[in-house]
Protein backbone atom coordinates (compact mmCIF):
# COMPACT_ATOMS: atom_id res chain seq x y z
CA MET A 1 -14.51 10.87 -1.29
CA ALA A 2 -11.46 9.17 -0.38
CA SER A 3 -10.24 12.01 1.64
CA GLU A 4 -13.13 12.24 3.54
CA ILE A 5 -12.68 8.75 5.98
CA THR A 6 -9.37 8.15 7.42
CA LEU A 7 -7.18 4.36 7.69
CA GLU A 8 -8.79 3.88 10.32
CA GLU A 9 -11.98 3.85 8.72
CA VAL A 10 -11.03 2.05 5.68
CA ALA A 11 -9.37 -0.75 7.91
CA LEU A 12 -12.69 -0.91 9.78
CA ARG A 13 -14.56 -0.96 5.98
CA ALA A 14 -12.10 -3.94 4.83
CA HIS A 15 -12.63 -6.20 7.70
CA GLN A 16 -16.41 -5.49 7.77
CA ALA A 17 -16.12 -7.11 3.90
CA GLU A 18 -14.29 -9.69 4.90
CA ILE A 19 -16.78 -10.64 7.59
CA ILE A 20 -19.58 -11.03 5.22
CA CYS A 21 -17.36 -12.93 2.54
CA SER A 22 -16.67 -15.59 5.48
CA MET A 23 -20.41 -15.31 6.05
CA MET A 24 -21.54 -16.11 2.81
CA GLU A 25 -18.73 -18.43 2.13
CA VAL A 26 -19.60 -20.48 5.02
CA TYR A 27 -23.49 -20.50 5.27
CA PRO A 28 -24.39 -20.10 1.56
CA ASN A 29 -27.35 -22.50 1.46
CA GLN A 30 -28.91 -20.77 4.45
CA LEU A 31 -29.15 -17.36 3.04
CA VAL A 32 -31.71 -16.23 0.99
CA ASP A 33 -32.19 -14.49 -1.70
CA SER A 34 -33.14 -10.81 -0.04
CA GLU A 35 -29.79 -11.24 2.50
CA ILE A 36 -27.54 -12.17 -0.44
CA THR A 37 -28.98 -9.24 -1.80
CA ALA A 38 -28.16 -6.81 1.15
CA MET A 39 -24.87 -9.04 1.69
CA ALA A 40 -23.68 -7.45 -2.23
CA THR A 41 -25.12 -3.88 -1.96
CA LEU A 42 -22.80 -3.59 1.71
CA LEU A 43 -19.96 -5.14 0.00
CA ARG A 44 -20.02 -2.70 -2.71
CA HIS A 45 -20.17 0.26 -0.81
CA LEU A 46 -17.18 -1.25 1.68
CA THR A 47 -15.14 -1.92 -0.92
CA GLY A 48 -15.71 0.99 -3.42
CA ASP A 49 -14.83 3.56 -0.49
CA VAL A 50 -11.20 1.20 0.42
CA THR A 51 -10.60 1.06 -3.15
CA ALA A 52 -10.92 5.18 -3.70
CA TYR A 53 -9.27 5.41 -0.47
CA LEU A 54 -6.49 3.17 -1.56
CA ILE A 55 -6.01 4.78 -5.41
CA GLU A 56 -5.87 8.21 -3.79
CA ALA A 57 -3.08 7.04 -1.66
CA MET A 58 -1.33 5.55 -4.36
CA ALA A 59 -1.11 8.57 -6.16
CA THR A 60 -0.34 10.99 -3.26
CA LYS A 61 2.77 8.49 -2.94
CA ASP A 62 3.29 8.83 -6.92
CA GLY A 63 3.16 12.37 -6.72
CA ASN A 64 5.66 12.26 -4.11
CA GLN A 65 8.72 10.27 -5.60
């Protein structure tokens, strides 16, 4: 899965996850349960792809050394 996305997409997804986390930190009492659930689901999706990409990149780097 990780090879299906580019480094630029990984950087964008990491940035999007950072923005969502900032929103949750700044506005914790203004979010309803359904919004928090939606944000958590989006964070899981965004960070999962980033994690998979980085794990694959590290494995590739280790294999080349």
